[in-house]
Amino acid sequence: MRENPDSWQLAVVDLFLREGSGLGVLAECRILRRDDQQVVVLSNHASEDVRARARRLGVDAVFDKASEVDEFLEYCAALGRRPGLHA
C-alpha cells in the first residue's frame, strides 16, 4: 500500500496474520488511504469487541468469514458498480 498508494480500491484485511496483527495494517490504512478507498475486515474472529476496535481504526465494514461471506461478496459487488471506479 505504501509503494502503490493509488493502485488499490479495496483492502481486505484479516486480523490474524502469520507475522504481526491486522490491527497494525488497519492503523496504517487509516493514515495512507484516500477517501475513495475502502478497507474491510474479513475474519473468523468478528466479535463485537473486534468490530468496535476495527471501527475505531476507521474500517468501512467488518465481515465474519463463517457467517457473512454473502454479505462480503455483495459489498464487493456494490463497490464494483460505483461510478468512477477504475481498475
PDB file of N, CA and C in Angstrom:
ATOM      1  N   MET A   1       0.814  -1.185   0.000  1.00  0.00           N
ATOM      2  CA  MET A   1       0.000   0.000   0.000  1.00  0.00           C
ATOM      3  C   MET A   1       0.863   1.256   0.000  1.00  0.00           C
ATOM      4  N   ARG A   2       1.948   1.191   0.711  1.00  0.00           N
ATOM      5  CA  ARG A   2       2.865   2.339   0.712  1.00  0.00           C
ATOM      6  C   ARG A   2       3.503   2.522  -0.653  1.00  0.00           C
ATOM      7  N   GLU A   3       3.855   1.428  -1.302  1.00  0.00           N
ATOM      8  CA  GLU A   3       4.558   1.507  -2.587  1.00  0.00           C
ATOM      9  C   GLU A   3       3.636   1.867  -3.739  1.00  0.00           C
ATOM     10  N   ASN A   4       2.355   1.559  -3.618  1.00  0.00           N
ATOM     11  CA  ASN A   4       1.386   1.830  -4.680  1.00  0.00           C
ATOM     12  C   ASN A   4       0.123   2.461  -4.098  1.00  0.00           C
ATOM     13  N   PRO A   5       0.225   3.627  -3.526  1.00  0.00           N
ATOM     14  CA  PRO A   5      -0.919   4.195  -2.805  1.00  0.00           C
ATOM     15  C   PRO A   5      -2.147   4.490  -3.661  1.00  0.00           C
ATOM     16  N   ASP A   6      -1.966   4.665  -4.958  1.00  0.00           N
ATOM     17  CA  ASP A   6      -3.102   4.977  -5.824  1.00  0.00           C
ATOM     18  C   ASP A   6      -3.577   3.782  -6.638  1.00  0.00           C
ATOM     19  N   SER A   7      -3.033   2.604  -6.367  1.00  0.00           N
ATOM     20  CA  SER A   7      -3.315   1.430  -7.201  1.00  0.00           C
ATOM     21  C   SER A   7      -4.304   0.463  -6.572  1.00  0.00           C
ATOM     22  N   TRP A   8      -5.031   0.874  -5.569  1.00  0.00           N
ATOM     23  CA  TRP A   8      -5.991  -0.035  -4.956  1.00  0.00           C
ATOM     24  C   TRP A   8      -7.284   0.695  -4.618  1.00  0.00           C
ATOM     25  N   GLN A   9      -8.368  -0.074  -4.645  1.00  0.00           N
ATOM     26  CA  GLN A   9      -9.687   0.456  -4.311  1.00  0.00           C
ATOM     27  C   GLN A   9     -10.239  -0.175  -3.034  1.00  0.00           C
ATOM     28  N   LEU A  10      -9.824  -1.423  -2.790  1.00  0.00           N
ATOM     29  CA  LEU A  10     -10.356  -2.171  -1.653  1.00  0.00           C
ATOM     30  C   LEU A  10      -9.240  -2.972  -1.002  1.00  0.00           C
ATOM     31  N   ALA A  11      -9.067  -2.796   0.298  1.00  0.00           N
ATOM     32  CA  ALA A  11      -8.133  -3.613   1.071  1.00  0.00           C
ATOM     33  C   ALA A  11      -8.966  -4.521   1.957  1.00  0.00           C
ATOM     34  N   VAL A  12      -8.731  -5.820   1.852  1.00  0.00           N
ATOM     35  CA  VAL A  12      -9.404  -6.808   2.685  1.00  0.00           C
ATOM     36  C   VAL A  12      -8.367  -7.324   3.664  1.00  0.00           C
ATOM     37  N   VAL A  13      -8.602  -7.109   4.943  1.00  0.00           N
ATOM     38  CA  VAL A  13      -7.616  -7.404   5.971  1.00  0.00           C
ATOM     39  C   VAL A  13      -8.151  -8.459   6.925  1.00  0.00           C
ATOM     40  N   ASP A  14      -7.338  -9.478   7.176  1.00  0.00           N
ATOM     41  CA  ASP A  14      -7.632 -10.444   8.233  1.00  0.00           C
ATOM     42  C   ASP A  14      -6.863  -9.981   9.461  1.00  0.00           C
ATOM     43  N   LEU A  15      -7.395 -10.191  10.633  1.00  0.00           N
ATOM     44  CA  LEU A  15      -6.751  -9.690  11.835  1.00  0.00           C
ATOM     45  C   LEU A  15      -5.636 -10.586  12.342  1.00  0.00           C
ATOM     46  N   PHE A  16      -5.650 -11.843  11.944  1.00  0.00           N
ATOM     47  CA  PHE A  16      -4.643 -12.776  12.425  1.00  0.00           C
ATOM     48  C   PHE A  16      -3.727 -13.150  11.271  1.00  0.00           C
ATOM     49  N   LEU A  17      -2.522 -12.584  11.282  1.00  0.00           N
ATOM     50  CA  LEU A  17      -1.566 -12.758  10.202  1.00  0.00           C
ATOM     51  C   LEU A  17      -0.414 -13.642  10.659  1.00  0.00           C
ATOM     52  N   ARG A  18       0.270 -14.208   9.714  1.00  0.00           N
ATOM     53  CA  ARG A  18       1.434 -15.032  10.024  1.00  0.00           C
ATOM     54  C   ARG A  18       2.463 -14.232  10.824  1.00  0.00           C
ATOM     55  N   GLU A  19       2.659 -12.990  10.411  1.00  0.00           N
ATOM     56  CA  GLU A  19       3.569 -12.092  11.119  1.00  0.00           C
ATOM     57  C   GLU A  19       2.809 -10.828  11.477  1.00  0.00           C
ATOM     58  N   GLY A  20       2.745 -10.521  12.743  1.00  0.00           N
ATOM     59  CA  GLY A  20       2.083  -9.305  13.178  1.00  0.00           C
ATOM     60  C   GLY A  20       0.576  -9.447  13.275  1.00  0.00           C
ATOM     61  N   SER A  21      -0.062  -8.311  13.320  1.00  0.00           N
ATOM     62  CA  SER A  21      -1.509  -8.267  13.504  1.00  0.00           C
ATOM     63  C   SER A  21      -2.146  -7.416  12.416  1.00  0.00           C
ATOM     64  N   GLY A  22      -3.322  -7.803  12.028  1.00  0.00           N
ATOM     65  CA  GLY A  22      -4.073  -6.997  11.077  1.00  0.00           C
ATOM     66  C   GLY A  22      -4.445  -5.637  11.636  1.00  0.00           C
ATOM     67  N   LEU A  23      -4.465  -5.518  12.968  1.00  0.00           N
ATOM     68  CA  LEU A  23      -4.769  -4.220  13.566  1.00  0.00           C
ATOM     69  C   LEU A  23      -3.722  -3.183  13.178  1.00  0.00           C
ATOM     70  N   GLY A  24      -2.473  -3.602  13.074  1.00  0.00           N
ATOM     71  CA  GLY A  24      -1.428  -2.694  12.616  1.00  0.00           C
ATOM     72  C   GLY A  24      -1.638  -2.280  11.174  1.00  0.00           C
ATOM     73  N   VAL A  25      -2.097  -3.217  10.353  1.00  0.00           N
ATOM     74  CA  VAL A  25      -2.405  -2.903   8.951  1.00  0.00           C
ATOM     75  C   VAL A  25      -3.546  -1.893   8.895  1.00  0.00           C
ATOM     76  N   LEU A  26      -4.577  -2.099   9.718  1.00  0.00           N
ATOM     77  CA  LEU A  26      -5.709  -1.167   9.737  1.00  0.00           C
ATOM     78  C   LEU A  26      -5.272   0.231  10.162  1.00  0.00           C
ATOM     79  N   ALA A  27      -4.405   0.295  11.158  1.00  0.00           N
ATOM     80  CA  ALA A  27      -3.906   1.598  11.611  1.00  0.00           C
ATOM     81  C   ALA A  27      -3.139   2.299  10.494  1.00  0.00           C
ATOM     82  N   GLU A  28      -2.356   1.540   9.755  1.00  0.00           N
ATOM     83  CA  GLU A  28      -1.595   2.111   8.638  1.00  0.00           C
ATOM     84  C   GLU A  28      -2.541   2.569   7.525  1.00  0.00           C
ATOM     85  N   CYS A  29      -3.569   1.786   7.254  1.00  0.00           N
ATOM     86  CA  CYS A  29      -4.548   2.165   6.224  1.00  0.00           C
ATOM     87  C   CYS A  29      -5.223   3.480   6.578  1.00  0.00           C
ATOM     88  N   ARG A  30      -5.482   3.659   7.838  1.00  0.00           N
ATOM     89  CA  ARG A  30      -6.159   4.882   8.282  1.00  0.00           C
ATOM     90  C   ARG A  30      -5.350   6.119   7.886  1.00  0.00           C
ATOM     91  N   ILE A  31      -4.044   5.979   7.917  1.00  0.00           N
ATOM     92  CA  ILE A  31      -3.148   7.092   7.589  1.00  0.00           C
ATOM     93  C   ILE A  31      -2.998   7.257   6.079  1.00  0.00           C
ATOM     94  N   LEU A  32      -2.873   6.137   5.363  1.00  0.00           N
ATOM     95  CA  LEU A  32      -2.482   6.170   3.957  1.00  0.00           C
ATOM     96  C   LEU A  32      -3.623   6.299   2.958  1.00  0.00           C
ATOM     97  N   ARG A  33      -4.797   5.881   3.303  1.00  0.00           N
ATOM     98  CA  ARG A  33      -5.835   5.749   2.283  1.00  0.00           C
ATOM     99  C   ARG A  33      -6.505   7.057   1.919  1.00  0.00           C
ATOM    100  N   ARG A  34      -6.997   7.073   0.673  1.00  0.00           N
ATOM    101  CA  ARG A  34      -7.792   8.198   0.185  1.00  0.00           C
ATOM    102  C   ARG A  34      -9.249   7.967   0.571  1.00  0.00           C
ATOM    103  N   ASP A  35     -10.069   8.983   0.433  1.00  0.00           N
ATOM    104  CA  ASP A  35     -11.486   8.865   0.790  1.00  0.00           C
ATOM    105  C   ASP A  35     -12.228   7.841  -0.057  1.00  0.00           C
ATOM    106  N   ASP A  36     -11.784   7.640  -1.303  1.00  0.00           N
ATOM    107  CA  ASP A  36     -12.484   6.706  -2.188  1.00  0.00           C
ATOM    108  C   ASP A  36     -11.984   5.268  -2.042  1.00  0.00           C
ATOM    109  N   GLN A  37     -11.022   5.018  -1.201  1.00  0.00           N
ATOM    110  CA  GLN A  37     -10.511   3.666  -0.981  1.00  0.00           C
ATOM    111  C   GLN A  37     -11.203   3.056   0.236  1.00  0.00           C
ATOM    112  N   GLN A  38     -11.576   1.803   0.104  1.00  0.00           N
ATOM    113  CA  GLN A  38     -12.304   1.097   1.147  1.00  0.00           C
ATOM    114  C   GLN A  38     -11.398   0.104   1.857  1.00  0.00           C
ATOM    115  N   VAL A  39     -11.594  -0.025   3.160  1.00  0.00           N
ATOM    116  CA  VAL A  39     -10.867  -1.003   3.962  1.00  0.00           C
ATOM    117  C   VAL A  39     -11.898  -1.802   4.743  1.00  0.00           C
ATOM    118  N   VAL A  40     -11.851  -3.125   4.569  1.00  0.00           N
ATOM    119  CA  VAL A  40     -12.762  -4.004   5.300  1.00  0.00           C
ATOM    120  C   VAL A  40     -11.980  -5.104   5.997  1.00  0.00           C
ATOM    121  N   VAL A  41     -12.580  -5.625   7.052  1.00  0.00           N
ATOM    122  CA  VAL A  41     -12.030  -6.759   7.778  1.00  0.00           C
ATOM    123  C   VAL A  41     -12.862  -7.982   7.411  1.00  0.00           C
ATOM    124  N   LEU A  42     -12.167  -9.073   7.088  1.00  0.00           N
ATOM    125  CA  LEU A  42     -12.799 -10.369   6.854  1.00  0.00           C
ATOM    126  C   LEU A  42     -12.070 -11.347   7.761  1.00  0.00           C
ATOM    127  N   SER A  43     -12.753 -11.808   8.809  1.00  0.00           N
ATOM    128  CA  SER A  43     -12.071 -12.570   9.844  1.00  0.00           C
ATOM    129  C   SER A  43     -12.955 -13.659  10.426  1.00  0.00           C
ATOM    130  N   ASN A  44     -12.313 -14.679  10.947  1.00  0.00           N
ATOM    131  CA  ASN A  44     -13.031 -15.718  11.702  1.00  0.00           C
ATOM    132  C   ASN A  44     -13.361 -15.237  13.102  1.00  0.00           C
ATOM    133  N   HIS A  45     -12.839 -14.118  13.485  1.00  0.00           N
ATOM    134  CA  HIS A  45     -12.983 -13.615  14.853  1.00  0.00           C
ATOM    135  C   HIS A  45     -13.623 -12.231  14.845  1.00  0.00           C
ATOM    136  N   ALA A  46     -14.841 -12.147  14.345  1.00  0.00           N
ATOM    137  CA  ALA A  46     -15.522 -10.861  14.207  1.00  0.00           C
ATOM    138  C   ALA A  46     -16.496 -10.637  15.370  1.00  0.00           C
ATOM    139  N   SER A  47     -15.986 -10.732  16.576  1.00  0.00           N
ATOM    140  CA  SER A  47     -16.805 -10.480  17.762  1.00  0.00           C
ATOM    141  C   SER A  47     -17.172  -9.004  17.830  1.00  0.00           C
ATOM    142  N   GLU A  48     -18.061  -8.651  18.731  1.00  0.00           N
ATOM    143  CA  GLU A  48     -18.444  -7.243  18.886  1.00  0.00           C
ATOM    144  C   GLU A  48     -17.245  -6.396  19.308  1.00  0.00           C
ATOM    145  N   ASP A  49     -16.366  -6.959  20.145  1.00  0.00           N
ATOM    146  CA  ASP A  49     -15.161  -6.229  20.550  1.00  0.00           C
ATOM    147  C   ASP A  49     -14.254  -5.965  19.347  1.00  0.00           C
ATOM    148  N   VAL A  50     -14.061  -6.965  18.532  1.00  0.00           N
ATOM    149  CA  VAL A  50     -13.232  -6.809  17.336  1.00  0.00           C
ATOM    150  C   VAL A  50     -13.863  -5.792  16.390  1.00  0.00           C
ATOM    151  N   ARG A  51     -15.159  -5.862  16.219  1.00  0.00           N
ATOM    152  CA  ARG A  51     -15.852  -4.912  15.347  1.00  0.00           C
ATOM    153  C   ARG A  51     -15.680  -3.481  15.857  1.00  0.00           C
ATOM    154  N   ALA A  52     -15.790  -3.305  17.165  1.00  0.00           N
ATOM    155  CA  ALA A  52     -15.634  -1.972  17.747  1.00  0.00           C
ATOM    156  C   ALA A  52     -14.208  -1.459  17.561  1.00  0.00           C
ATOM    157  N   ARG A  53     -13.222  -2.311  17.786  1.00  0.00           N
ATOM    158  CA  ARG A  53     -11.828  -1.901  17.582  1.00  0.00           C
ATOM    159  C   ARG A  53     -11.571  -1.526  16.136  1.00  0.00           C
ATOM    160  N   ALA A  54     -12.118  -2.319  15.227  1.00  0.00           N
ATOM    161  CA  ALA A  54     -11.933  -2.051  13.801  1.00  0.00           C
ATOM    162  C   ALA A  54     -12.590  -0.725  13.414  1.00  0.00           C
ATOM    163  N   ARG A  55     -13.781  -0.465  13.927  1.00  0.00           N
ATOM    164  CA  ARG A  55     -14.456   0.810  13.633  1.00  0.00           C
ATOM    165  C   ARG A  55     -13.631   1.990  14.147  1.00  0.00           C
ATOM    166  N   ARG A  56     -13.037   1.832  15.335  1.00  0.00           N
ATOM    167  CA  ARG A  56     -12.198   2.911  15.873  1.00  0.00           C
ATOM    168  C   ARG A  56     -10.982   3.161  14.979  1.00  0.00           C
ATOM    169  N   LEU A  57     -10.554   2.134  14.257  1.00  0.00           N
ATOM    170  CA  LEU A  57      -9.420   2.278  13.341  1.00  0.00           C
ATOM    171  C   LEU A  57      -9.849   2.718  11.944  1.00  0.00           C
ATOM    172  N   GLY A  58     -11.136   2.995  11.780  1.00  0.00           N
ATOM    173  CA  GLY A  58     -11.622   3.594  10.545  1.00  0.00           C
ATOM    174  C   GLY A  58     -12.018   2.654   9.432  1.00  0.00           C
ATOM    175  N   VAL A  59     -12.239   1.371   9.726  1.00  0.00           N
ATOM    176  CA  VAL A  59     -12.637   0.460   8.649  1.00  0.00           C
ATOM    177  C   VAL A  59     -14.048   0.797   8.180  1.00  0.00           C
ATOM    178  N   ASP A  60     -14.335   0.402   6.961  1.00  0.00           N
ATOM    179  CA  ASP A  60     -15.654   0.659   6.388  1.00  0.00           C
ATOM    180  C   ASP A  60     -16.652  -0.435   6.723  1.00  0.00           C
ATOM    181  N   ALA A  61     -16.162  -1.661   6.945  1.00  0.00           N
ATOM    182  CA  ALA A  61     -17.054  -2.770   7.270  1.00  0.00           C
ATOM    183  C   ALA A  61     -16.244  -3.914   7.864  1.00  0.00           C
ATOM    184  N   VAL A  62     -16.947  -4.772   8.613  1.00  0.00           N
ATOM    185  CA  VAL A  62     -16.354  -5.981   9.181  1.00  0.00           C
ATOM    186  C   VAL A  62     -17.272  -7.143   8.837  1.00  0.00           C
ATOM    187  N   PHE A  63     -16.680  -8.233   8.327  1.00  0.00           N
ATOM    188  CA  PHE A  63     -17.441  -9.414   7.952  1.00  0.00           C
ATOM    189  C   PHE A  63     -16.837 -10.646   8.602  1.00  0.00           C
ATOM    190  N   ASP A  64     -17.705 -11.521   9.067  1.00  0.00           N
ATOM    191  CA  ASP A  64     -17.286 -12.790   9.645  1.00  0.00           C
ATOM    192  C   ASP A  64     -17.174 -13.822   8.526  1.00  0.00           C
ATOM    193  N   LYS A  65     -16.017 -14.483   8.440  1.00  0.00           N
ATOM    194  CA  LYS A  65     -15.799 -15.489   7.383  1.00  0.00           C
ATOM    195  C   LYS A  65     -16.799 -16.630   7.462  1.00  0.00           C
ATOM    196  N   ALA A  66     -17.215 -16.989   8.653  1.00  0.00           N
ATOM    197  CA  ALA A  66     -18.088 -18.150   8.824  1.00  0.00           C
ATOM    198  C   ALA A  66     -19.546 -17.860   8.498  1.00  0.00           C
ATOM    199  N   SER A  67     -19.991 -16.625   8.722  1.00  0.00           N
ATOM    200  CA  SER A  67     -21.425 -16.378   8.589  1.00  0.00           C
ATOM    201  C   SER A  67     -21.809 -15.200   7.694  1.00  0.00           C
ATOM    202  N   GLU A  68     -20.840 -14.422   7.213  1.00  0.00           N
ATOM    203  CA  GLU A  68     -21.181 -13.234   6.450  1.00  0.00           C
ATOM    204  C   GLU A  68     -20.468 -13.144   5.104  1.00  0.00           C
ATOM    205  N   VAL A  69     -20.143 -14.268   4.527  1.00  0.00           N
ATOM    206  CA  VAL A  69     -19.444 -14.262   3.242  1.00  0.00           C
ATOM    207  C   VAL A  69     -20.331 -13.685   2.141  1.00  0.00           C
ATOM    208  N   ASP A  70     -21.615 -14.037   2.135  1.00  0.00           N
ATOM    209  CA  ASP A  70     -22.520 -13.494   1.117  1.00  0.00           C
ATOM    210  C   ASP A  70     -22.603 -11.971   1.213  1.00  0.00           C
ATOM    211  N   GLU A  71     -22.663 -11.451   2.427  1.00  0.00           N
ATOM    212  CA  GLU A  71     -22.708 -10.004   2.622  1.00  0.00           C
ATOM    213  C   GLU A  71     -21.407  -9.356   2.154  1.00  0.00           C
ATOM    214  N   PHE A  72     -20.283 -10.019   2.431  1.00  0.00           N
ATOM    215  CA  PHE A  72     -18.990  -9.519   1.973  1.00  0.00           C
ATOM    216  C   PHE A  72     -18.948  -9.452   0.443  1.00  0.00           C
ATOM    217  N   LEU A  73     -19.391 -10.508  -0.209  1.00  0.00           N
ATOM    218  CA  LEU A  73     -19.384 -10.532  -1.675  1.00  0.00           C
ATOM    219  C   LEU A  73     -20.307  -9.474  -2.255  1.00  0.00           C
ATOM    220  N   GLU A  74     -21.449  -9.254  -1.640  1.00  0.00           N
ATOM    221  CA  GLU A  74     -22.361  -8.206  -2.104  1.00  0.00           C
ATOM    222  C   GLU A  74     -21.727  -6.827  -1.913  1.00  0.00           C
ATOM    223  N   TYR A  75     -21.047  -6.635  -0.823  1.00  0.00           N
ATOM    224  CA  TYR A  75     -20.338  -5.375  -0.573  1.00  0.00           C
ATOM    225  C   TYR A  75     -19.334  -5.118  -1.692  1.00  0.00           C
ATOM    226  N   CYS A  76     -18.554  -6.148  -2.022  1.00  0.00           N
ATOM    227  CA  CYS A  76     -17.556  -6.017  -3.087  1.00  0.00           C
ATOM    228  C   CYS A  76     -18.219  -5.735  -4.427  1.00  0.00           C
ATOM    229  N   ALA A  77     -19.310  -6.437  -4.714  1.00  0.00           N
ATOM    230  CA  ALA A  77     -20.025  -6.222  -5.973  1.00  0.00           C
ATOM    231  C   ALA A  77     -20.572  -4.796  -6.047  1.00  0.00           C
ATOM    232  N   ALA A  78     -21.079  -4.289  -4.941  1.00  0.00           N
ATOM    233  CA  ALA A  78     -21.612  -2.924  -4.909  1.00  0.00           C
ATOM    234  C   ALA A  78     -20.499  -1.907  -5.169  1.00  0.00           C
ATOM    235  N   LEU A  79     -19.310  -2.156  -4.643  1.00  0.00           N
ATOM    236  CA  LEU A  79     -18.194  -1.265  -4.923  1.00  0.00           C
ATOM    237  C   LEU A  79     -17.850  -1.271  -6.408  1.00  0.00           C
ATOM    238  N   GLY A  80     -17.939  -2.434  -7.026  1.00  0.00           N
ATOM    239  CA  GLY A  80     -17.649  -2.545  -8.449  1.00  0.00           C
ATOM    240  C   GLY A  80     -18.647  -1.814  -9.331  1.00  0.00           C
ATOM    241  N   ARG A  81     -19.839  -1.573  -8.808  1.00  0.00           N
ATOM    242  CA  ARG A  81     -20.865  -0.868  -9.565  1.00  0.00           C
ATOM    243  C   ARG A  81     -20.821   0.648  -9.358  1.00  0.00           C
ATOM    244  N   ARG A  82     -19.942   1.116  -8.503  1.00  0.00           N
ATOM    245  CA  ARG A  82     -19.876   2.556  -8.230  1.00  0.00           C
ATOM    246  C   ARG A  82     -19.360   3.313  -9.452  1.00  0.00           C
ATOM    247  N   PRO A  83     -19.976   4.452  -9.749  1.00  0.00           N
ATOM    248  CA  PRO A  83     -19.486   5.294 -10.851  1.00  0.00           C
ATOM    249  C   PRO A  83     -18.059   5.766 -10.575  1.00  0.00           C
ATOM    250  N   GLY A  84     -17.286   5.828 -11.598  1.00  0.00           N
ATOM    251  CA  GLY A  84     -15.935   6.341 -11.479  1.00  0.00           C
ATOM    252  C   GLY A  84     -14.908   5.361 -10.966  1.00  0.00           C
ATOM    253  N   LEU A  85     -15.331   4.129 -10.696  1.00  0.00           N
ATOM    254  CA  LEU A  85     -14.376   3.128 -10.222  1.00  0.00           C
ATOM    255  C   LEU A  85     -13.441   2.774 -11.370  1.00  0.00           C
ATOM    256  N   HIS A  86     -12.156   2.802 -11.092  1.00  0.00           N
ATOM    257  CA  HIS A  86     -11.187   2.429 -12.118  1.00  0.00           C
ATOM    258  C   HIS A  86     -10.454   1.192 -11.684  1.00  0.00           C
ATOM    259  N   ALA A  87     -10.107   0.390 -12.658  1.00  0.00           N
ATOM    260  CA  ALA A  87      -9.417  -0.870 -12.369  1.00  0.00           C
ATOM    261  C   ALA A  87      -7.926  -0.671 -12.340  1.00  0.00           C
TER     262      ALA A  87
END
